[in-house]
Each structure stands twice: as C-alpha cells, then as structure tokens.
Amino acid sequence: MMKIGEICNRDVVVVGRDASVREAAGLLREHHVGDLVVVDRIGGRGVPVGIITDRDVAIEVVAMGVDPDMVKVGEVMGPELVTAGEGETVYDTIQRMRQRGVRRIPVLDAQGGLAGIVSLADLLEFLAEEVTQLAKVFYREQSRETRSLI
C-alpha cells in the first residue's frame, strides 16, 4: 500500500500564529499557494497547529472590512487541525479527508513535526495515474489476446 509520505508535497510554506493576516497574504502571493500551514516552533521544529487559506483571508478579513494588519493568523486559522502521519496509507488519508470535510492535510513525521502537506489535487493526480496504469494492463491483455488469434 502506498504511504501518504511518498506522495505528499515536502515544500510547505509555513507561518506562525502571531503573524498578521497581511503577512500571511503576502506569503500566499509570494509563493503562489492557496494555503499556509500554521506552526509553532518547538525544539527547532515546526509543529503544525492550523492552516490558513486564501479563502480564510478573503472571507474572514477582507469581506468583513477588517484591517489585515490588526488580525493575527491564529485568530483566523481553522479551529481544528486534521493531520496524517507519513506512514499512513493514501486510502486512510482519503477516508479521513472525506469524513472531516477537508481539502488539505499536513503530514507529520514520527516526532509530530511537519513533514509535508497533501491536498485533494495531489490525491486526484495520484489516483488518476493509478487508473491509467490499470487501463494499460487491460489494453495490454487485449492486445496479447488479439495477437494470439492471428
């Protein structure tokens, strides 16, 4: 079984919970990403405590007319973080995402530090490749049968 640690994105953009929402928005723009993993620094490692998305910034701050310099990331990030361990299977992670209704999950190493992130798009790409490989088996078998009849 494929482990989520094998397909997660290891290049994660992070922010501290005490950063302003304007700083977070700047990071989102600079790195061309739709989310930041909010981390606390513990023992030199980033330990995930939340996620803030471009949608959070738009709906919770901009649409409400709130000054993004006056709001901290920790005040806007989602209330509950859903994570996966690197050793968990892709299918267990998909099930957790479906049950919890989340589109992205930080992936943790064995010590609870941030190892990566996996999104719905990452999983769809992985599953599409798996289906493509299955289709190749089907067509290869069909081709072999056709050649044996000739």
N, C-alpha and C. Protein backbone atom coordinates (compact mmCIF):
# COMPACT_ATOMS: atom_id res chain seq x y z
N MET A 1 0.84 -1.19 0.00
CA MET A 1 0.00 0.00 0.00
C MET A 1 0.88 1.25 0.00
N MET A 2 0.53 2.19 -0.83
CA MET A 2 1.28 3.44 -0.92
C MET A 2 1.06 4.27 0.35
N LYS A 3 2.13 4.81 0.88
CA LYS A 3 2.07 5.65 2.08
C LYS A 3 1.93 7.12 1.68
N ILE A 4 1.22 7.87 2.50
CA ILE A 4 0.97 9.28 2.18
C ILE A 4 2.28 10.06 2.16
N GLY A 5 3.25 9.63 2.94
CA GLY A 5 4.56 10.29 2.94
C GLY A 5 5.27 10.19 1.60
N GLU A 6 4.88 9.23 0.77
CA GLU A 6 5.51 9.06 -0.54
C GLU A 6 4.96 10.02 -1.58
N ILE A 7 3.79 10.57 -1.36
CA ILE A 7 3.21 11.45 -2.37
C ILE A 7 2.98 12.88 -1.88
N CYS A 8 3.17 13.13 -0.59
CA CYS A 8 2.91 14.48 -0.09
C CYS A 8 3.95 15.47 -0.63
N ASN A 9 3.55 16.71 -0.65
CA ASN A 9 4.44 17.79 -1.08
C ASN A 9 5.31 18.18 0.12
N ARG A 10 6.62 18.08 -0.04
CA ARG A 10 7.54 18.37 1.06
C ARG A 10 7.91 19.86 1.12
N ASP A 11 7.56 20.59 0.10
CA ASP A 11 7.86 22.02 0.04
C ASP A 11 6.66 22.79 0.57
N VAL A 12 6.62 22.99 1.88
CA VAL A 12 5.47 23.58 2.55
C VAL A 12 5.81 25.00 2.99
N VAL A 13 4.92 25.92 2.73
CA VAL A 13 5.09 27.30 3.19
C VAL A 13 4.39 27.41 4.55
N VAL A 14 5.12 27.92 5.53
CA VAL A 14 4.59 28.00 6.89
C VAL A 14 4.55 29.43 7.38
N VAL A 15 3.77 29.62 8.43
CA VAL A 15 3.64 30.93 9.07
C VAL A 15 3.38 30.67 10.55
N GLY A 16 3.79 31.59 11.40
CA GLY A 16 3.50 31.49 12.82
C GLY A 16 2.13 32.06 13.13
N ARG A 17 1.53 31.61 14.19
CA ARG A 17 0.17 32.08 14.54
C ARG A 17 0.13 33.54 14.95
N ASP A 18 1.29 34.13 15.31
CA ASP A 18 1.33 35.53 15.71
C ASP A 18 1.58 36.48 14.55
N ALA A 19 1.78 35.95 13.35
CA ALA A 19 1.95 36.81 12.17
C ALA A 19 0.62 37.48 11.85
N SER A 20 0.70 38.65 11.23
CA SER A 20 -0.54 39.33 10.83
C SER A 20 -1.11 38.65 9.59
N VAL A 21 -2.39 38.85 9.38
CA VAL A 21 -3.03 38.30 8.19
C VAL A 21 -2.44 38.94 6.94
N ARG A 22 -2.01 40.20 7.01
CA ARG A 22 -1.35 40.82 5.86
C ARG A 22 -0.05 40.08 5.53
N GLU A 23 0.72 39.72 6.54
CA GLU A 23 1.95 38.95 6.30
C GLU A 23 1.62 37.61 5.65
N ALA A 24 0.59 36.96 6.14
CA ALA A 24 0.17 35.67 5.58
C ALA A 24 -0.25 35.84 4.13
N ALA A 25 -1.01 36.89 3.84
CA ALA A 25 -1.44 37.13 2.46
C ALA A 25 -0.24 37.37 1.56
N GLY A 26 0.76 38.07 2.07
CA GLY A 26 1.99 38.29 1.31
C GLY A 26 2.70 36.98 1.00
N LEU A 27 2.74 36.07 1.96
CA LEU A 27 3.36 34.75 1.74
C LEU A 27 2.57 33.94 0.70
N LEU A 28 1.25 33.99 0.80
CA LEU A 28 0.41 33.28 -0.18
C LEU A 28 0.72 33.77 -1.59
N ARG A 29 0.81 35.08 -1.73
CA ARG A 29 1.09 35.67 -3.06
C ARG A 29 2.50 35.37 -3.52
N GLU A 30 3.47 35.56 -2.63
CA GLU A 30 4.88 35.35 -2.98
C GLU A 30 5.17 33.93 -3.44
N HIS A 31 4.55 32.97 -2.78
CA HIS A 31 4.82 31.55 -3.07
C HIS A 31 3.79 30.92 -4.00
N HIS A 32 2.79 31.70 -4.41
CA HIS A 32 1.75 31.22 -5.33
C HIS A 32 1.07 29.95 -4.80
N VAL A 33 0.66 30.02 -3.53
CA VAL A 33 -0.03 28.89 -2.90
C VAL A 33 -1.37 29.36 -2.37
N GLY A 34 -2.25 28.42 -2.09
CA GLY A 34 -3.58 28.74 -1.59
C GLY A 34 -3.72 28.53 -0.10
N ASP A 35 -2.65 28.02 0.54
CA ASP A 35 -2.73 27.79 1.97
C ASP A 35 -1.34 27.87 2.60
N LEU A 36 -1.33 28.15 3.88
CA LEU A 36 -0.12 28.14 4.69
C LEU A 36 -0.37 27.24 5.89
N VAL A 37 0.61 26.45 6.26
CA VAL A 37 0.49 25.66 7.48
C VAL A 37 0.98 26.55 8.62
N VAL A 38 0.14 26.68 9.63
CA VAL A 38 0.49 27.48 10.80
C VAL A 38 1.24 26.57 11.76
N VAL A 39 2.44 27.01 12.15
CA VAL A 39 3.28 26.18 13.01
C VAL A 39 3.71 26.94 14.26
N ASP A 40 3.93 26.17 15.30
CA ASP A 40 4.64 26.65 16.49
C ASP A 40 6.02 26.04 16.41
N ARG A 41 7.03 26.81 16.76
CA ARG A 41 8.41 26.31 16.78
C ARG A 41 8.66 25.68 18.14
N ILE A 42 8.89 24.37 18.12
CA ILE A 42 9.15 23.62 19.36
C ILE A 42 10.41 22.80 19.13
N GLY A 43 11.43 23.09 19.91
CA GLY A 43 12.69 22.35 19.77
C GLY A 43 13.29 22.46 18.38
N GLY A 44 13.15 23.62 17.74
CA GLY A 44 13.72 23.82 16.42
C GLY A 44 12.91 23.24 15.27
N ARG A 45 11.79 22.60 15.58
CA ARG A 45 10.94 22.00 14.55
C ARG A 45 9.64 22.78 14.45
N GLY A 46 9.07 22.75 13.26
CA GLY A 46 7.75 23.33 13.08
C GLY A 46 6.69 22.30 13.38
N VAL A 47 5.88 22.56 14.38
CA VAL A 47 4.79 21.65 14.74
C VAL A 47 3.48 22.29 14.30
N PRO A 48 2.77 21.65 13.36
CA PRO A 48 1.53 22.23 12.83
C PRO A 48 0.46 22.40 13.90
N VAL A 49 -0.17 23.58 13.86
CA VAL A 49 -1.27 23.86 14.79
C VAL A 49 -2.52 24.32 14.05
N GLY A 50 -2.39 24.57 12.74
CA GLY A 50 -3.53 25.03 11.97
C GLY A 50 -3.18 25.27 10.52
N ILE A 51 -4.17 25.69 9.77
CA ILE A 51 -3.99 26.05 8.36
C ILE A 51 -4.76 27.35 8.14
N ILE A 52 -4.19 28.24 7.35
CA ILE A 52 -4.91 29.43 6.90
C ILE A 52 -4.89 29.41 5.38
N THR A 53 -6.04 29.65 4.79
CA THR A 53 -6.17 29.60 3.33
C THR A 53 -6.45 30.99 2.77
N ASP A 54 -6.27 31.10 1.46
CA ASP A 54 -6.62 32.37 0.81
C ASP A 54 -8.10 32.67 1.00
N ARG A 55 -8.91 31.66 1.07
CA ARG A 55 -10.35 31.84 1.31
C ARG A 55 -10.60 32.40 2.72
N ASP A 56 -9.85 31.91 3.71
CA ASP A 56 -9.98 32.46 5.07
C ASP A 56 -9.68 33.95 5.08
N VAL A 57 -8.62 34.34 4.38
CA VAL A 57 -8.24 35.75 4.31
C VAL A 57 -9.35 36.56 3.65
N ALA A 58 -9.86 36.06 2.54
CA ALA A 58 -10.88 36.79 1.80
C ALA A 58 -12.19 36.91 2.57
N ILE A 59 -12.65 35.81 3.15
CA ILE A 59 -13.98 35.79 3.77
C ILE A 59 -13.98 36.33 5.20
N GLU A 60 -12.96 35.97 5.96
CA GLU A 60 -12.94 36.34 7.37
C GLU A 60 -12.36 37.72 7.63
N VAL A 61 -11.57 38.24 6.70
CA VAL A 61 -10.91 39.52 6.95
C VAL A 61 -11.32 40.56 5.91
N VAL A 62 -11.00 40.33 4.65
CA VAL A 62 -11.27 41.31 3.61
C VAL A 62 -12.76 41.60 3.48
N ALA A 63 -13.58 40.58 3.37
CA ALA A 63 -15.03 40.77 3.18
C ALA A 63 -15.68 41.44 4.39
N MET A 64 -15.07 41.28 5.54
CA MET A 64 -15.63 41.88 6.75
C MET A 64 -15.11 43.30 6.98
N GLY A 65 -14.21 43.77 6.09
CA GLY A 65 -13.68 45.12 6.22
C GLY A 65 -12.72 45.30 7.38
N VAL A 66 -12.10 44.21 7.81
CA VAL A 66 -11.18 44.24 8.95
C VAL A 66 -9.77 44.56 8.44
N ASP A 67 -9.04 45.35 9.20
CA ASP A 67 -7.66 45.69 8.85
C ASP A 67 -6.78 44.45 9.00
N PRO A 68 -6.19 43.94 7.91
CA PRO A 68 -5.39 42.72 7.99
C PRO A 68 -4.12 42.86 8.81
N ASP A 69 -3.72 44.10 9.10
CA ASP A 69 -2.56 44.31 9.98
C ASP A 69 -2.93 44.12 11.45
N MET A 70 -4.21 44.20 11.75
CA MET A 70 -4.67 44.13 13.14
C MET A 70 -5.14 42.73 13.55
N VAL A 71 -5.16 41.80 12.60
CA VAL A 71 -5.65 40.45 12.89
C VAL A 71 -4.50 39.48 12.78
N LYS A 72 -4.39 38.60 13.73
CA LYS A 72 -3.32 37.59 13.74
C LYS A 72 -3.82 36.32 13.05
N VAL A 73 -2.89 35.60 12.46
CA VAL A 73 -3.19 34.34 11.79
C VAL A 73 -3.92 33.39 12.73
N GLY A 74 -3.48 33.34 13.97
CA GLY A 74 -4.10 32.44 14.96
C GLY A 74 -5.57 32.73 15.21
N GLU A 75 -6.02 33.95 14.89
CA GLU A 75 -7.42 34.31 15.08
C GLU A 75 -8.28 33.88 13.89
N VAL A 76 -7.65 33.60 12.76
CA VAL A 76 -8.39 33.31 11.53
C VAL A 76 -8.28 31.84 11.11
N MET A 77 -7.20 31.19 11.51
CA MET A 77 -7.00 29.80 11.07
C MET A 77 -8.15 28.93 11.54
N GLY A 78 -8.34 27.82 10.83
CA GLY A 78 -9.41 26.89 11.18
C GLY A 78 -9.30 26.43 12.62
N PRO A 79 -10.43 26.13 13.25
CA PRO A 79 -10.44 25.79 14.67
C PRO A 79 -9.87 24.42 15.01
N GLU A 80 -9.88 23.51 14.04
CA GLU A 80 -9.44 22.15 14.32
C GLU A 80 -8.56 21.65 13.18
N LEU A 81 -7.37 21.19 13.52
CA LEU A 81 -6.43 20.72 12.51
C LEU A 81 -6.55 19.21 12.34
N VAL A 82 -6.68 18.77 11.10
CA VAL A 82 -6.72 17.36 10.77
C VAL A 82 -5.37 17.04 10.13
N THR A 83 -4.68 16.01 10.64
CA THR A 83 -3.36 15.65 10.13
C THR A 83 -3.31 14.17 9.78
N ALA A 84 -2.21 13.80 9.12
CA ALA A 84 -1.93 12.39 8.81
C ALA A 84 -0.46 12.13 9.11
N GLY A 85 -0.16 10.93 9.51
CA GLY A 85 1.24 10.53 9.70
C GLY A 85 1.82 10.04 8.39
N GLU A 86 3.12 10.27 8.17
CA GLU A 86 3.74 9.88 6.89
C GLU A 86 3.59 8.41 6.58
N GLY A 87 3.47 7.57 7.59
CA GLY A 87 3.36 6.14 7.38
C GLY A 87 1.95 5.64 7.11
N GLU A 88 0.97 6.53 7.17
CA GLU A 88 -0.41 6.12 6.91
C GLU A 88 -0.61 5.89 5.42
N THR A 89 -1.55 5.04 5.09
CA THR A 89 -1.80 4.77 3.68
C THR A 89 -2.55 5.93 3.03
N VAL A 90 -2.40 6.02 1.74
CA VAL A 90 -3.10 7.03 0.96
C VAL A 90 -4.60 6.88 1.19
N TYR A 91 -5.08 5.67 1.19
CA TYR A 91 -6.52 5.44 1.31
C TYR A 91 -7.06 5.80 2.69
N ASP A 92 -6.26 5.58 3.76
CA ASP A 92 -6.68 6.02 5.09
C ASP A 92 -6.78 7.54 5.14
N THR A 93 -5.84 8.21 4.49
CA THR A 93 -5.85 9.68 4.46
C THR A 93 -7.05 10.19 3.68
N ILE A 94 -7.34 9.58 2.56
CA ILE A 94 -8.52 9.97 1.77
C ILE A 94 -9.78 9.81 2.61
N GLN A 95 -9.87 8.71 3.32
CA GLN A 95 -11.05 8.47 4.15
C GLN A 95 -11.17 9.55 5.23
N ARG A 96 -10.05 9.91 5.87
CA ARG A 96 -10.08 10.94 6.91
C ARG A 96 -10.50 12.29 6.32
N MET A 97 -9.98 12.62 5.14
CA MET A 97 -10.35 13.88 4.49
C MET A 97 -11.84 13.92 4.20
N ARG A 98 -12.36 12.80 3.71
CA ARG A 98 -13.79 12.72 3.39
C ARG A 98 -14.63 12.85 4.66
N GLN A 99 -14.25 12.13 5.71
CA GLN A 99 -15.02 12.17 6.96
C GLN A 99 -15.01 13.54 7.61
N ARG A 100 -13.87 14.23 7.52
CA ARG A 100 -13.72 15.53 8.18
C ARG A 100 -14.04 16.71 7.27
N GLY A 101 -14.24 16.45 5.98
CA GLY A 101 -14.59 17.51 5.05
C GLY A 101 -13.49 18.52 4.81
N VAL A 102 -12.24 18.05 4.71
CA VAL A 102 -11.11 18.95 4.47
C VAL A 102 -10.46 18.64 3.13
N ARG A 103 -9.87 19.66 2.52
CA ARG A 103 -9.25 19.52 1.20
C ARG A 103 -7.74 19.39 1.26
N ARG A 104 -7.17 19.61 2.42
CA ARG A 104 -5.72 19.51 2.57
C ARG A 104 -5.38 19.07 3.98
N ILE A 105 -4.30 18.31 4.10
CA ILE A 105 -3.90 17.77 5.40
C ILE A 105 -2.39 17.87 5.54
N PRO A 106 -1.91 18.51 6.62
CA PRO A 106 -0.48 18.45 6.90
C PRO A 106 -0.09 17.01 7.24
N VAL A 107 1.08 16.64 6.78
CA VAL A 107 1.61 15.29 7.04
C VAL A 107 2.72 15.43 8.08
N LEU A 108 2.64 14.60 9.11
CA LEU A 108 3.57 14.67 10.24
C LEU A 108 4.60 13.56 10.18
N ASP A 109 5.81 13.87 10.64
CA ASP A 109 6.83 12.83 10.79
C ASP A 109 6.59 12.08 12.09
N ALA A 110 7.43 11.12 12.39
CA ALA A 110 7.23 10.27 13.56
C ALA A 110 7.29 11.04 14.87
N GLN A 111 7.96 12.20 14.87
CA GLN A 111 8.08 13.01 16.09
C GLN A 111 7.00 14.09 16.19
N GLY A 112 6.08 14.12 15.24
CA GLY A 112 4.99 15.09 15.27
C GLY A 112 5.32 16.41 14.59
N GLY A 113 6.48 16.47 13.94
CA GLY A 113 6.85 17.68 13.21
C GLY A 113 6.28 17.66 11.80
N LEU A 114 6.28 18.81 11.16
CA LEU A 114 5.75 18.93 9.81
C LEU A 114 6.68 18.26 8.80
N ALA A 115 6.14 17.31 8.05
CA ALA A 115 6.91 16.61 7.03
C ALA A 115 6.47 17.02 5.63
N GLY A 116 5.22 17.46 5.49
CA GLY A 116 4.70 17.83 4.17
C GLY A 116 3.24 18.17 4.27
N ILE A 117 2.63 18.28 3.10
CA ILE A 117 1.20 18.54 3.03
C ILE A 117 0.65 17.80 1.81
N VAL A 118 -0.56 17.33 1.92
CA VAL A 118 -1.22 16.67 0.78
C VAL A 118 -2.58 17.34 0.58
N SER A 119 -2.88 17.60 -0.67
CA SER A 119 -4.14 18.26 -0.99
C SER A 119 -5.02 17.32 -1.81
N LEU A 120 -6.26 17.72 -1.94
CA LEU A 120 -7.20 16.98 -2.77
C LEU A 120 -6.65 16.85 -4.19
N ALA A 121 -6.06 17.91 -4.72
CA ALA A 121 -5.49 17.87 -6.08
C ALA A 121 -4.35 16.85 -6.17
N ASP A 122 -3.50 16.77 -5.15
CA ASP A 122 -2.41 15.79 -5.13
C ASP A 122 -2.98 14.37 -5.19
N LEU A 123 -4.02 14.14 -4.43
CA LEU A 123 -4.62 12.80 -4.37
C LEU A 123 -5.33 12.45 -5.67
N LEU A 124 -6.00 13.43 -6.28
CA LEU A 124 -6.65 13.18 -7.57
C LEU A 124 -5.60 12.84 -8.64
N GLU A 125 -4.47 13.53 -8.62
CA GLU A 125 -3.40 13.24 -9.57
C GLU A 125 -2.86 11.83 -9.36
N PHE A 126 -2.64 11.45 -8.10
CA PHE A 126 -2.16 10.10 -7.79
C PHE A 126 -3.16 9.05 -8.26
N LEU A 127 -4.44 9.23 -7.94
CA LEU A 127 -5.46 8.26 -8.32
C LEU A 127 -5.63 8.18 -9.84
N ALA A 128 -5.53 9.30 -10.53
CA ALA A 128 -5.62 9.29 -11.99
C ALA A 128 -4.48 8.47 -12.58
N GLU A 129 -3.30 8.59 -12.04
CA GLU A 129 -2.16 7.80 -12.52
C GLU A 129 -2.39 6.31 -12.26
N GLU A 130 -2.94 5.99 -11.10
CA GLU A 130 -3.23 4.58 -10.77
C GLU A 130 -4.25 4.01 -11.77
N VAL A 131 -5.29 4.76 -12.08
CA VAL A 131 -6.30 4.30 -13.03
C VAL A 131 -5.69 4.14 -14.42
N THR A 132 -4.83 5.06 -14.80
CA THR A 132 -4.14 4.97 -16.10
C THR A 132 -3.32 3.69 -16.18
N GLN A 133 -2.62 3.37 -15.12
CA GLN A 133 -1.82 2.14 -15.11
C GLN A 133 -2.70 0.89 -15.20
N LEU A 134 -3.84 0.90 -14.55
CA LEU A 134 -4.78 -0.21 -14.65
C LEU A 134 -5.31 -0.35 -16.07
N ALA A 135 -5.61 0.76 -16.69
CA ALA A 135 -6.10 0.73 -18.07
C ALA A 135 -5.06 0.14 -19.00
N LYS A 136 -3.80 0.44 -18.78
CA LYS A 136 -2.72 -0.11 -19.61
C LYS A 136 -2.66 -1.63 -19.49
N VAL A 137 -2.90 -2.15 -18.31
CA VAL A 137 -2.92 -3.61 -18.13
C VAL A 137 -4.05 -4.21 -18.96
N PHE A 138 -5.21 -3.60 -18.88
CA PHE A 138 -6.37 -4.08 -19.62
C PHE A 138 -6.08 -4.10 -21.12
N TYR A 139 -5.56 -3.01 -21.67
CA TYR A 139 -5.31 -2.92 -23.10
C TYR A 139 -4.16 -3.82 -23.54
N ARG A 140 -3.16 -4.02 -22.68
CA ARG A 140 -2.06 -4.91 -23.00
C ARG A 140 -2.57 -6.35 -23.12
N GLU A 141 -3.46 -6.73 -22.19
CA GLU A 141 -4.03 -8.07 -22.22
C GLU A 141 -4.87 -8.26 -23.48
N GLN A 142 -5.67 -7.26 -23.81
CA GLN A 142 -6.50 -7.32 -25.01
C GLN A 142 -5.63 -7.47 -26.26
N SER A 143 -4.56 -6.72 -26.32
CA SER A 143 -3.65 -6.76 -27.46
C SER A 143 -2.99 -8.13 -27.57
N ARG A 144 -2.57 -8.70 -26.45
CA ARG A 144 -1.94 -10.01 -26.44
C ARG A 144 -2.92 -11.07 -26.94
N GLU A 145 -4.18 -11.00 -26.52
CA GLU A 145 -5.18 -11.96 -26.96
C GLU A 145 -5.43 -11.84 -28.48
N THR A 146 -5.46 -10.61 -28.97
CA THR A 146 -5.69 -10.38 -30.40
C THR A 146 -4.54 -10.99 -31.20
N ARG A 147 -3.30 -10.79 -30.76
CA ARG A 147 -2.14 -11.33 -31.47
C ARG A 147 -2.13 -12.85 -31.47
N SER A 148 -2.61 -13.46 -30.38
CA SER A 148 -2.59 -14.92 -30.30
C SER A 148 -3.63 -15.55 -31.21
N LEU A 149 -4.64 -14.80 -31.62
CA LEU A 149 -5.68 -15.32 -32.51
C LEU A 149 -5.24 -15.29 -33.97
N ILE A 150 -4.22 -14.51 -34.26
CA ILE A 150 -3.79 -14.35 -35.65
C ILE A 150 -2.89 -15.49 -36.07
